């Protein structure tokens, strides 16, 4: 019986070590998720900066387009003398339109990136909640295994005491049996 208790206690201690190892891994996973959350925040900040740059490009493109239109009007007023200038104004207007289209495409990519970034933040927050729940369950499991280990240790100590007392009773019975046996023979 004592061997069974000792074996059970040893296995329980092994389970405690495994549980603590899993707790440590959950803690490391939580730290990794927090780092990932920080990286996603950094990406979100960068997309905000890119968005501002795109806005500046769109503003320059708009103004360039207006200047090209004004130049085309002035070239038309100049008549034949402004014909060469009209060609340049048209090229500038086309470049402004191309720049504006590219800026809109960049804005769309940034918007998708920001959406993905926000999804990443939400996913990492959900993962952190799951990890916190896992850590809580592991702490409860650890507390329960500690309680069971303590109970097994107490049972082992009680069994040793009982075994010691039974041995004492056996010795006392042998001591008293010898005189009684002699009297019974006499």
N, C-alpha and C. Protein backbone atom coordinates (compact mmCIF):
# COMPACT_ATOMS: atom_id res chain seq x y z
N UNK A 1 0.83 -1.19 0.00
CA UNK A 1 0.00 0.00 0.00
C UNK A 1 0.87 1.25 0.00
N UNK A 2 1.93 1.24 0.80
CA UNK A 2 2.83 2.38 0.87
C UNK A 2 3.53 2.61 -0.47
N UNK A 3 3.87 1.50 -1.13
CA UNK A 3 4.52 1.61 -2.44
C UNK A 3 3.57 2.23 -3.46
N UNK A 4 2.29 1.87 -3.38
CA UNK A 4 1.29 2.42 -4.29
C UNK A 4 1.16 3.93 -4.07
N UNK A 5 1.12 4.33 -2.79
CA UNK A 5 1.03 5.76 -2.48
C UNK A 5 2.27 6.51 -2.96
N UNK A 6 3.43 5.92 -2.75
CA UNK A 6 4.68 6.57 -3.17
C UNK A 6 4.73 6.67 -4.69
N UNK A 7 4.31 5.60 -5.39
CA UNK A 7 4.30 5.61 -6.85
C UNK A 7 3.32 6.66 -7.37
N UNK A 8 2.14 6.70 -6.77
CA UNK A 8 1.15 7.71 -7.16
C UNK A 8 1.66 9.12 -6.91
N UNK A 9 2.33 9.31 -5.80
CA UNK A 9 2.90 10.63 -5.49
C UNK A 9 3.96 11.02 -6.50
N UNK A 10 4.80 10.05 -6.89
CA UNK A 10 5.84 10.33 -7.89
C UNK A 10 5.25 10.71 -9.23
N UNK A 11 4.22 9.99 -9.63
CA UNK A 11 3.58 10.31 -10.91
C UNK A 11 2.88 11.67 -10.86
N UNK A 12 2.31 11.96 -9.72
CA UNK A 12 1.65 13.26 -9.56
C UNK A 12 2.67 14.39 -9.63
N UNK A 13 3.82 14.20 -9.02
CA UNK A 13 4.88 15.22 -9.09
C UNK A 13 5.34 15.42 -10.54
N UNK A 14 5.39 14.31 -11.28
CA UNK A 14 5.74 14.40 -12.70
C UNK A 14 4.69 15.21 -13.45
N UNK A 15 3.43 14.95 -13.16
CA UNK A 15 2.34 15.70 -13.79
C UNK A 15 2.42 17.18 -13.42
N UNK A 16 2.81 17.47 -12.17
CA UNK A 16 2.97 18.86 -11.75
C UNK A 16 4.06 19.55 -12.57
N UNK A 17 5.17 18.86 -12.78
CA UNK A 17 6.26 19.43 -13.58
C UNK A 17 5.81 19.70 -15.01
N UNK A 18 5.07 18.75 -15.58
CA UNK A 18 4.57 18.93 -16.94
C UNK A 18 3.61 20.12 -16.98
N UNK A 19 2.73 20.20 -15.99
CA UNK A 19 1.78 21.32 -15.92
C UNK A 19 2.49 22.66 -15.82
N UNK A 20 3.53 22.70 -15.00
CA UNK A 20 4.29 23.95 -14.88
C UNK A 20 5.00 24.29 -16.19
N UNK A 21 5.49 23.27 -16.89
CA UNK A 21 6.11 23.49 -18.20
C UNK A 21 5.11 24.06 -19.20
N UNK A 22 3.89 23.52 -19.18
CA UNK A 22 2.84 24.04 -20.07
C UNK A 22 2.49 25.47 -19.68
N UNK A 23 2.44 25.76 -18.38
CA UNK A 23 2.19 27.13 -17.93
C UNK A 23 3.27 28.07 -18.45
N UNK A 24 4.51 27.65 -18.37
CA UNK A 24 5.62 28.47 -18.87
C UNK A 24 5.47 28.73 -20.37
N UNK A 25 5.10 27.68 -21.11
CA UNK A 25 4.90 27.84 -22.56
C UNK A 25 3.75 28.79 -22.86
N UNK A 26 2.68 28.69 -22.08
CA UNK A 26 1.55 29.60 -22.28
C UNK A 26 1.98 31.04 -22.01
N UNK A 27 2.82 31.23 -21.00
CA UNK A 27 3.33 32.57 -20.72
C UNK A 27 4.18 33.10 -21.86
N UNK A 28 5.03 32.24 -22.42
CA UNK A 28 5.86 32.64 -23.56
C UNK A 28 4.99 32.97 -24.78
N UNK A 29 3.95 32.16 -24.98
CA UNK A 29 3.03 32.42 -26.08
C UNK A 29 2.33 33.76 -25.90
N UNK A 30 1.95 34.06 -24.68
CA UNK A 30 1.31 35.35 -24.39
C UNK A 30 2.25 36.50 -24.72
N UNK A 31 3.52 36.36 -24.35
CA UNK A 31 4.50 37.41 -24.67
C UNK A 31 4.66 37.56 -26.18
N UNK A 32 4.69 36.44 -26.89
CA UNK A 32 4.83 36.50 -28.35
C UNK A 32 3.63 37.20 -28.99
N UNK A 33 2.44 36.92 -28.47
CA UNK A 33 1.24 37.57 -29.00
C UNK A 33 1.28 39.06 -28.71
N UNK A 34 1.76 39.43 -27.53
CA UNK A 34 1.87 40.86 -27.20
C UNK A 34 2.87 41.55 -28.13
N UNK A 35 3.98 40.87 -28.43
CA UNK A 35 4.95 41.45 -29.37
C UNK A 35 4.32 41.60 -30.75
N UNK A 36 3.58 40.58 -31.18
CA UNK A 36 2.91 40.63 -32.47
C UNK A 36 1.92 41.80 -32.50
N UNK A 37 1.20 41.98 -31.41
CA UNK A 37 0.24 43.08 -31.31
C UNK A 37 0.97 44.42 -31.48
N UNK A 38 2.14 44.55 -30.88
CA UNK A 38 2.94 45.76 -31.02
C UNK A 38 3.38 45.98 -32.46
N UNK A 39 3.77 44.89 -33.13
CA UNK A 39 4.18 45.00 -34.53
C UNK A 39 3.01 45.43 -35.42
N UNK A 40 1.84 44.87 -35.15
CA UNK A 40 0.66 45.25 -35.92
C UNK A 40 0.34 46.73 -35.69
N UNK A 41 0.49 47.19 -34.46
CA UNK A 41 0.28 48.61 -34.17
C UNK A 41 1.27 49.47 -34.96
N UNK A 42 2.52 49.01 -35.04
CA UNK A 42 3.54 49.74 -35.81
C UNK A 42 3.15 49.81 -37.29
N UNK A 43 2.68 48.69 -37.82
CA UNK A 43 2.26 48.65 -39.23
C UNK A 43 1.09 49.61 -39.44
N UNK A 44 0.16 49.62 -38.50
CA UNK A 44 -0.98 50.53 -38.60
C UNK A 44 -0.52 51.99 -38.62
N UNK A 45 0.45 52.31 -37.78
CA UNK A 45 0.99 53.68 -37.76
C UNK A 45 1.66 54.01 -39.09
N UNK A 46 2.38 53.04 -39.65
CA UNK A 46 3.04 53.28 -40.95
C UNK A 46 2.02 53.50 -42.06
N UNK A 47 0.93 52.74 -42.03
CA UNK A 47 -0.09 52.94 -43.07
C UNK A 47 -0.71 54.33 -42.94
N UNK A 48 -0.81 54.84 -41.72
CA UNK A 48 -1.29 56.21 -41.52
C UNK A 48 -0.34 57.22 -42.16
N UNK A 49 0.95 56.98 -42.01
CA UNK A 49 1.95 57.88 -42.62
C UNK A 49 1.88 57.81 -44.14
N UNK A 50 1.75 56.60 -44.69
CA UNK A 50 1.64 56.44 -46.14
C UNK A 50 0.38 57.15 -46.64
N UNK A 51 -0.69 57.03 -45.88
CA UNK A 51 -1.94 57.69 -46.24
C UNK A 51 -1.76 59.21 -46.34
N UNK A 52 -1.02 59.78 -45.41
CA UNK A 52 -0.74 61.23 -45.46
C UNK A 52 0.08 61.58 -46.70
N UNK A 53 1.05 60.74 -47.03
CA UNK A 53 1.87 60.99 -48.23
C UNK A 53 1.02 60.92 -49.49
N UNK A 54 0.12 59.95 -49.53
CA UNK A 54 -0.77 59.82 -50.69
C UNK A 54 -1.65 61.06 -50.82
N UNK A 55 -2.12 61.56 -49.69
CA UNK A 55 -2.93 62.78 -49.72
C UNK A 55 -2.14 63.94 -50.30
N UNK A 56 -0.88 64.05 -49.91
CA UNK A 56 -0.02 65.11 -50.45
C UNK A 56 0.17 64.94 -51.96
N UNK A 57 0.37 63.70 -52.40
CA UNK A 57 0.54 63.44 -53.84
C UNK A 57 -0.74 63.81 -54.59
N UNK A 58 -1.90 63.46 -54.02
CA UNK A 58 -3.17 63.80 -54.66
C UNK A 58 -3.34 65.32 -54.76
N UNK A 59 -2.95 66.03 -53.72
CA UNK A 59 -3.04 67.49 -53.74
C UNK A 59 -2.15 68.08 -54.84
N UNK A 60 -0.91 67.60 -54.93
CA UNK A 60 0.01 68.08 -55.97
C UNK A 60 -0.55 67.74 -57.35
N UNK A 61 -1.09 66.55 -57.49
CA UNK A 61 -1.66 66.12 -58.77
C UNK A 61 -2.83 67.02 -59.16
N UNK A 62 -3.68 67.34 -58.21
CA UNK A 62 -4.84 68.20 -58.48
C UNK A 62 -4.37 69.59 -58.93
N UNK A 63 -3.41 70.14 -58.20
CA UNK A 63 -2.91 71.48 -58.55
C UNK A 63 -2.18 71.47 -59.90
N UNK A 64 -1.43 70.41 -60.14
CA UNK A 64 -0.73 70.29 -61.42
C UNK A 64 -1.73 70.23 -62.57
N UNK A 65 -2.80 69.50 -62.36
CA UNK A 65 -3.85 69.40 -63.38
C UNK A 65 -4.47 70.78 -63.65
N UNK A 66 -4.74 71.54 -62.58
CA UNK A 66 -5.29 72.89 -62.76
C UNK A 66 -4.31 73.78 -63.53
N UNK A 67 -3.04 73.70 -63.17
CA UNK A 67 -2.03 74.50 -63.87
C UNK A 67 -1.97 74.11 -65.35
N UNK A 68 -2.06 72.81 -65.63
CA UNK A 68 -2.03 72.35 -67.03
C UNK A 68 -3.24 72.87 -67.79
N UNK A 69 -4.41 72.87 -67.13
CA UNK A 69 -5.61 73.40 -67.79
C UNK A 69 -5.46 74.91 -68.06
N UNK A 70 -4.96 75.63 -67.06
CA UNK A 70 -4.74 77.07 -67.25
C UNK A 70 -3.73 77.32 -68.37
N UNK A 71 -2.67 76.51 -68.42
CA UNK A 71 -1.66 76.66 -69.47
C UNK A 71 -2.27 76.38 -70.84
N UNK A 72 -3.16 75.39 -70.92
CA UNK A 72 -3.82 75.06 -72.19
C UNK A 72 -4.70 76.22 -72.65
N UNK A 73 -5.41 76.84 -71.68
CA UNK A 73 -6.26 77.99 -72.01
C UNK A 73 -5.40 79.14 -72.55
N UNK A 74 -4.29 79.40 -71.86
CA UNK A 74 -3.39 80.49 -72.30
C UNK A 74 -2.77 80.17 -73.66
N UNK A 75 -2.43 78.90 -73.88
CA UNK A 75 -1.86 78.50 -75.17
C UNK A 75 -2.88 78.70 -76.28
N UNK A 76 -4.14 78.40 -75.99
CA UNK A 76 -5.21 78.59 -76.99
C UNK A 76 -5.38 80.07 -77.30
N UNK A 77 -5.27 80.92 -76.29
CA UNK A 77 -5.39 82.37 -76.50
C UNK A 77 -4.23 82.90 -77.36
N UNK A 78 -3.06 82.28 -77.19
CA UNK A 78 -1.89 82.74 -77.94
C UNK A 78 -1.96 82.33 -79.40
N UNK A 79 -2.89 81.41 -79.67
CA UNK A 79 -3.07 81.00 -81.06
C UNK A 79 -1.94 80.11 -81.52
N UNK A 80 -1.49 80.39 -82.76
CA UNK A 80 -0.46 79.55 -83.37
C UNK A 80 0.86 79.65 -82.61
N UNK A 81 1.13 80.77 -82.00
CA UNK A 81 2.38 80.95 -81.25
C UNK A 81 2.39 80.08 -79.99
N UNK A 82 1.23 79.72 -79.45
CA UNK A 82 1.15 78.91 -78.23
C UNK A 82 0.96 77.44 -78.50
N UNK A 83 1.03 77.00 -79.75
CA UNK A 83 0.79 75.59 -80.10
C UNK A 83 1.78 74.65 -79.41
N UNK A 84 3.04 75.01 -79.39
CA UNK A 84 4.04 74.16 -78.72
C UNK A 84 3.80 74.10 -77.22
N UNK A 85 3.38 75.22 -76.67
CA UNK A 85 3.10 75.26 -75.24
C UNK A 85 1.86 74.42 -74.91
N UNK A 86 0.90 74.35 -75.83
CA UNK A 86 -0.31 73.54 -75.63
C UNK A 86 0.05 72.06 -75.53
N UNK A 87 1.02 71.63 -76.33
CA UNK A 87 1.46 70.22 -76.28
C UNK A 87 2.07 69.92 -74.91
N UNK A 88 2.89 70.83 -74.41
CA UNK A 88 3.52 70.64 -73.09
C UNK A 88 2.44 70.62 -72.01
N UNK A 89 1.48 71.54 -72.10
CA UNK A 89 0.40 71.60 -71.11
C UNK A 89 -0.40 70.30 -71.10
N UNK A 90 -0.66 69.74 -72.29
CA UNK A 90 -1.40 68.48 -72.38
C UNK A 90 -0.62 67.33 -71.74
N UNK A 91 0.68 67.29 -71.97
CA UNK A 91 1.53 66.25 -71.36
C UNK A 91 1.53 66.38 -69.84
N UNK A 92 1.62 67.60 -69.34
CA UNK A 92 1.61 67.83 -67.89
C UNK A 92 0.27 67.38 -67.31
N UNK A 93 -0.83 67.68 -68.03
CA UNK A 93 -2.16 67.26 -67.57
C UNK A 93 -2.25 65.74 -67.52
N UNK A 94 -1.74 65.05 -68.54
CA UNK A 94 -1.77 63.58 -68.55
C UNK A 94 -0.93 63.00 -67.40
N UNK A 95 0.22 63.60 -67.14
CA UNK A 95 1.05 63.14 -66.01
C UNK A 95 0.32 63.34 -64.68
N UNK A 96 -0.40 64.45 -64.56
CA UNK A 96 -1.17 64.70 -63.33
C UNK A 96 -2.26 63.65 -63.16
N UNK A 97 -2.92 63.27 -64.26
CA UNK A 97 -3.97 62.26 -64.19
C UNK A 97 -3.39 60.88 -63.82
N UNK A 98 -2.26 60.55 -64.42
CA UNK A 98 -1.60 59.27 -64.10
C UNK A 98 -1.20 59.25 -62.63
N UNK A 99 -0.64 60.35 -62.17
CA UNK A 99 -0.23 60.45 -60.76
C UNK A 99 -1.44 60.30 -59.85
N UNK A 100 -2.55 60.94 -60.22
CA UNK A 100 -3.76 60.86 -59.40
C UNK A 100 -4.30 59.43 -59.36
N UNK A 101 -4.30 58.73 -60.51
CA UNK A 101 -4.75 57.32 -60.53
C UNK A 101 -3.86 56.46 -59.64
N UNK A 102 -2.56 56.66 -59.75
CA UNK A 102 -1.62 55.88 -58.93
C UNK A 102 -1.84 56.15 -57.45
N UNK A 103 -2.09 57.41 -57.12
CA UNK A 103 -2.34 57.76 -55.71
C UNK A 103 -3.61 57.07 -55.21
N UNK A 104 -4.65 57.02 -56.04
CA UNK A 104 -5.89 56.33 -55.64
C UNK A 104 -5.63 54.83 -55.43
N UNK A 105 -4.83 54.23 -56.31
CA UNK A 105 -4.51 52.81 -56.17
C UNK A 105 -3.71 52.56 -54.89
N UNK A 106 -2.77 53.44 -54.61
CA UNK A 106 -1.99 53.31 -53.37
C UNK A 106 -2.92 53.43 -52.17
N UNK A 107 -3.84 54.39 -52.22
CA UNK A 107 -4.79 54.58 -51.11
C UNK A 107 -5.62 53.31 -50.89
N UNK A 108 -6.05 52.67 -51.99
CA UNK A 108 -6.84 51.44 -51.87
C UNK A 108 -6.01 50.33 -51.21
N UNK A 109 -4.75 50.22 -51.61
CA UNK A 109 -3.87 49.20 -51.01
C UNK A 109 -3.66 49.50 -49.53
N UNK A 110 -3.45 50.76 -49.21
CA UNK A 110 -3.26 51.16 -47.80
C UNK A 110 -4.52 50.85 -47.00
N UNK A 111 -5.68 51.12 -47.60
CA UNK A 111 -6.95 50.84 -46.91
C UNK A 111 -7.10 49.35 -46.63
N UNK A 112 -6.77 48.51 -47.62
CA UNK A 112 -6.83 47.06 -47.40
C UNK A 112 -5.83 46.64 -46.33
N UNK A 113 -4.63 47.23 -46.39
CA UNK A 113 -3.61 46.93 -45.37
C UNK A 113 -4.06 47.32 -43.98
N UNK A 114 -4.70 48.47 -43.87
CA UNK A 114 -5.20 48.92 -42.57
C UNK A 114 -6.30 47.97 -42.08
N UNK A 115 -7.15 47.52 -42.99
CA UNK A 115 -8.19 46.56 -42.61
C UNK A 115 -7.59 45.26 -42.10
N UNK A 116 -6.56 44.77 -42.81
CA UNK A 116 -5.88 43.55 -42.37
C UNK A 116 -5.19 43.77 -41.03
N UNK A 117 -4.63 44.94 -40.86
CA UNK A 117 -3.96 45.28 -39.60
C UNK A 117 -4.96 45.26 -38.45
N UNK A 118 -6.13 45.85 -38.68
CA UNK A 118 -7.17 45.86 -37.64
C UNK A 118 -7.64 44.44 -37.34
N UNK A 119 -7.78 43.62 -38.38
CA UNK A 119 -8.15 42.21 -38.16
C UNK A 119 -7.09 41.50 -37.34
N UNK A 120 -5.82 41.80 -37.64
CA UNK A 120 -4.72 41.20 -36.88
C UNK A 120 -4.77 41.59 -35.42
N UNK A 121 -5.10 42.84 -35.14
CA UNK A 121 -5.22 43.30 -33.75
C UNK A 121 -6.34 42.54 -33.05
N UNK A 122 -7.49 42.43 -33.72
CA UNK A 122 -8.63 41.71 -33.12
C UNK A 122 -8.29 40.24 -32.87
N UNK A 123 -7.63 39.62 -33.83
CA UNK A 123 -7.24 38.21 -33.66
C UNK A 123 -6.24 38.05 -32.51
N UNK A 124 -5.29 38.95 -32.42
CA UNK A 124 -4.30 38.83 -31.34
C UNK A 124 -4.95 39.07 -29.98
N UNK A 125 -5.94 39.96 -29.93
CA UNK A 125 -6.65 40.18 -28.67
C UNK A 125 -7.45 38.94 -28.28
N UNK A 126 -8.10 38.31 -29.26
CA UNK A 126 -8.84 37.08 -28.98
C UNK A 126 -7.89 35.98 -28.52
N UNK A 127 -6.74 35.89 -29.15
CA UNK A 127 -5.74 34.89 -28.76
C UNK A 127 -5.24 35.15 -27.35
N UNK A 128 -5.04 36.42 -27.00
CA UNK A 128 -4.60 36.75 -25.64
C UNK A 128 -5.65 36.32 -24.61
N UNK A 129 -6.93 36.50 -24.94
CA UNK A 129 -8.00 36.07 -24.02
C UNK A 129 -7.97 34.55 -23.84
N UNK A 130 -7.76 33.83 -24.96
CA UNK A 130 -7.70 32.37 -24.86
C UNK A 130 -6.50 31.93 -24.02
N UNK A 131 -5.38 32.59 -24.21
CA UNK A 131 -4.18 32.26 -23.43
C UNK A 131 -4.42 32.54 -21.96
N UNK A 132 -5.07 33.66 -21.66
CA UNK A 132 -5.37 33.99 -20.26
C UNK A 132 -6.27 32.91 -19.65
N UNK A 133 -7.26 32.44 -20.42
CA UNK A 133 -8.12 31.36 -19.94
C UNK A 133 -7.34 30.08 -19.72
N UNK A 134 -6.45 29.75 -20.65
CA UNK A 134 -5.61 28.56 -20.52
C UNK A 134 -4.73 28.67 -19.28
N UNK A 135 -4.13 29.83 -19.06
CA UNK A 135 -3.28 30.02 -17.88
C UNK A 135 -4.09 29.86 -16.60
N UNK A 136 -5.32 30.38 -16.58
CA UNK A 136 -6.17 30.24 -15.39
C UNK A 136 -6.48 28.76 -15.13
N UNK A 137 -6.82 28.02 -16.19
CA UNK A 137 -7.10 26.58 -16.02
C UNK A 137 -5.85 25.83 -15.56
N UNK A 138 -4.71 26.20 -16.09
CA UNK A 138 -3.47 25.55 -15.68
C UNK A 138 -3.14 25.85 -14.22
N UNK A 139 -3.40 27.09 -13.79
CA UNK A 139 -3.18 27.41 -12.36
C UNK A 139 -4.11 26.58 -11.48
N UNK A 140 -5.38 26.46 -11.90
CA UNK A 140 -6.32 25.63 -11.13
C UNK A 140 -5.86 24.18 -11.09
N UNK A 141 -5.42 23.67 -12.23
CA UNK A 141 -4.91 22.30 -12.29
C UNK A 141 -3.71 22.13 -11.38
N UNK A 142 -2.81 23.11 -11.41
CA UNK A 142 -1.62 23.06 -10.57
C UNK A 142 -2.00 23.06 -9.09
N UNK A 143 -2.96 23.91 -8.73
CA UNK A 143 -3.42 23.96 -7.34
C UNK A 143 -4.02 22.62 -6.92
N UNK A 144 -4.82 22.02 -7.81
CA UNK A 144 -5.44 20.73 -7.49
C UNK A 144 -4.38 19.64 -7.36
N UNK A 145 -3.41 19.61 -8.25
CA UNK A 145 -2.37 18.58 -8.14
C UNK A 145 -1.52 18.80 -6.89
N UNK A 146 -1.31 20.06 -6.50
CA UNK A 146 -0.59 20.33 -5.25
C UNK A 146 -1.37 19.78 -4.06
N UNK A 147 -2.69 19.98 -4.09
CA UNK A 147 -3.55 19.48 -3.00
C UNK A 147 -3.51 17.96 -2.96
N UNK A 148 -3.62 17.32 -4.13
CA UNK A 148 -3.58 15.85 -4.18
C UNK A 148 -2.23 15.34 -3.70
N UNK A 149 -1.15 15.98 -4.12
CA UNK A 149 0.19 15.57 -3.69
C UNK A 149 0.33 15.69 -2.19
N UNK A 150 -0.18 16.75 -1.63
CA UNK A 150 -0.12 16.95 -0.19
C UNK A 150 -0.92 15.86 0.53
N UNK A 151 -2.09 15.55 -0.01
CA UNK A 151 -2.93 14.50 0.58
C UNK A 151 -2.23 13.15 0.51
N UNK A 152 -1.60 12.85 -0.63
CA UNK A 152 -0.86 11.59 -0.76
C UNK A 152 0.30 11.53 0.22
N UNK A 153 1.00 12.65 0.38
CA UNK A 153 2.11 12.70 1.35
C UNK A 153 1.60 12.43 2.76
N UNK A 154 0.48 13.05 3.10
CA UNK A 154 -0.11 12.84 4.43
C UNK A 154 -0.52 11.38 4.60
N UNK A 155 -1.10 10.79 3.54
CA UNK A 155 -1.50 9.39 3.60
C UNK A 155 -0.29 8.47 3.78
N UNK A 156 0.80 8.80 3.11
CA UNK A 156 2.02 8.00 3.22
C UNK A 156 2.57 8.08 4.65
N UNK A 157 2.57 9.28 5.22
CA UNK A 157 3.05 9.46 6.61
C UNK A 157 2.15 8.68 7.57
N UNK A 158 0.83 8.79 7.37
CA UNK A 158 -0.11 8.07 8.24
C UNK A 158 0.08 6.56 8.12
N UNK A 159 0.32 6.08 6.90
CA UNK A 159 0.53 4.65 6.69
C UNK A 159 1.80 4.19 7.39
N UNK A 160 2.86 4.99 7.34
CA UNK A 160 4.10 4.64 8.04
C UNK A 160 3.86 4.56 9.54
N UNK A 161 3.13 5.53 10.07
CA UNK A 161 2.82 5.50 11.52
C UNK A 161 2.03 4.25 11.87
N UNK A 162 1.03 3.96 11.04
CA UNK A 162 0.19 2.79 11.30
C UNK A 162 1.03 1.52 11.23
N UNK A 163 1.91 1.44 10.24
CA UNK A 163 2.79 0.27 10.11
C UNK A 163 3.69 0.16 11.33
N UNK A 164 4.21 1.28 11.79
CA UNK A 164 5.06 1.29 13.00
C UNK A 164 4.28 0.83 14.22
N UNK A 165 3.06 1.30 14.36
CA UNK A 165 2.23 0.90 15.51
C UNK A 165 1.89 -0.58 15.45
N UNK A 166 1.59 -1.06 14.26
CA UNK A 166 1.26 -2.48 14.14
C UNK A 166 2.48 -3.34 14.49
N UNK A 167 3.66 -2.89 14.09
CA UNK A 167 4.88 -3.62 14.44
C UNK A 167 5.06 -3.61 15.95
N UNK A 168 4.77 -2.47 16.60
CA UNK A 168 4.89 -2.38 18.06
C UNK A 168 3.89 -3.32 18.73
N UNK A 169 2.67 -3.37 18.19
CA UNK A 169 1.66 -4.27 18.76
C UNK A 169 2.09 -5.72 18.59
N UNK A 170 2.67 -6.04 17.45
CA UNK A 170 3.15 -7.41 17.21
C UNK A 170 4.23 -7.79 18.19
N UNK A 171 5.18 -6.88 18.45
CA UNK A 171 6.26 -7.15 19.41
C UNK A 171 5.69 -7.32 20.81
N UNK A 172 4.73 -6.45 21.16
CA UNK A 172 4.13 -6.54 22.50
C UNK A 172 3.36 -7.85 22.63
N UNK A 173 2.68 -8.25 21.58
CA UNK A 173 1.92 -9.50 21.63
C UNK A 173 2.86 -10.69 21.80
N UNK A 174 4.00 -10.67 21.13
CA UNK A 174 4.97 -11.74 21.27
C UNK A 174 5.53 -11.78 22.69
N UNK A 175 5.79 -10.61 23.27
CA UNK A 175 6.33 -10.56 24.63
C UNK A 175 5.32 -11.14 25.62
N UNK A 176 4.05 -10.81 25.44
CA UNK A 176 3.04 -11.30 26.38
C UNK A 176 2.66 -12.75 26.09
N UNK A 177 2.82 -13.19 24.88
CA UNK A 177 2.46 -14.56 24.51
C UNK A 177 3.40 -15.57 25.16
N UNK A 178 4.67 -15.26 25.23
CA UNK A 178 5.64 -16.21 25.79
C UNK A 178 5.30 -16.55 27.23
N UNK A 179 5.07 -15.58 28.14
CA UNK A 179 4.74 -15.96 29.51
C UNK A 179 3.41 -16.71 29.59
N UNK A 180 2.45 -16.32 28.76
CA UNK A 180 1.16 -17.01 28.79
C UNK A 180 1.30 -18.45 28.31
N UNK A 181 2.14 -18.68 27.32
CA UNK A 181 2.36 -20.03 26.82
C UNK A 181 3.00 -20.89 27.89
N UNK A 182 3.95 -20.29 28.65
CA UNK A 182 4.61 -21.05 29.71
C UNK A 182 3.60 -21.41 30.79
N UNK A 183 2.74 -20.51 31.15
CA UNK A 183 1.75 -20.78 32.20
C UNK A 183 0.78 -21.84 31.74
N UNK A 184 0.42 -21.78 30.48
CA UNK A 184 -0.55 -22.74 29.98
C UNK A 184 0.05 -24.13 29.95
N UNK A 185 1.37 -24.26 29.77
CA UNK A 185 2.01 -25.56 29.75
C UNK A 185 2.17 -26.08 31.16
N UNK A 186 2.26 -25.18 32.09
CA UNK A 186 2.51 -25.61 33.46
C UNK A 186 1.29 -26.05 34.12
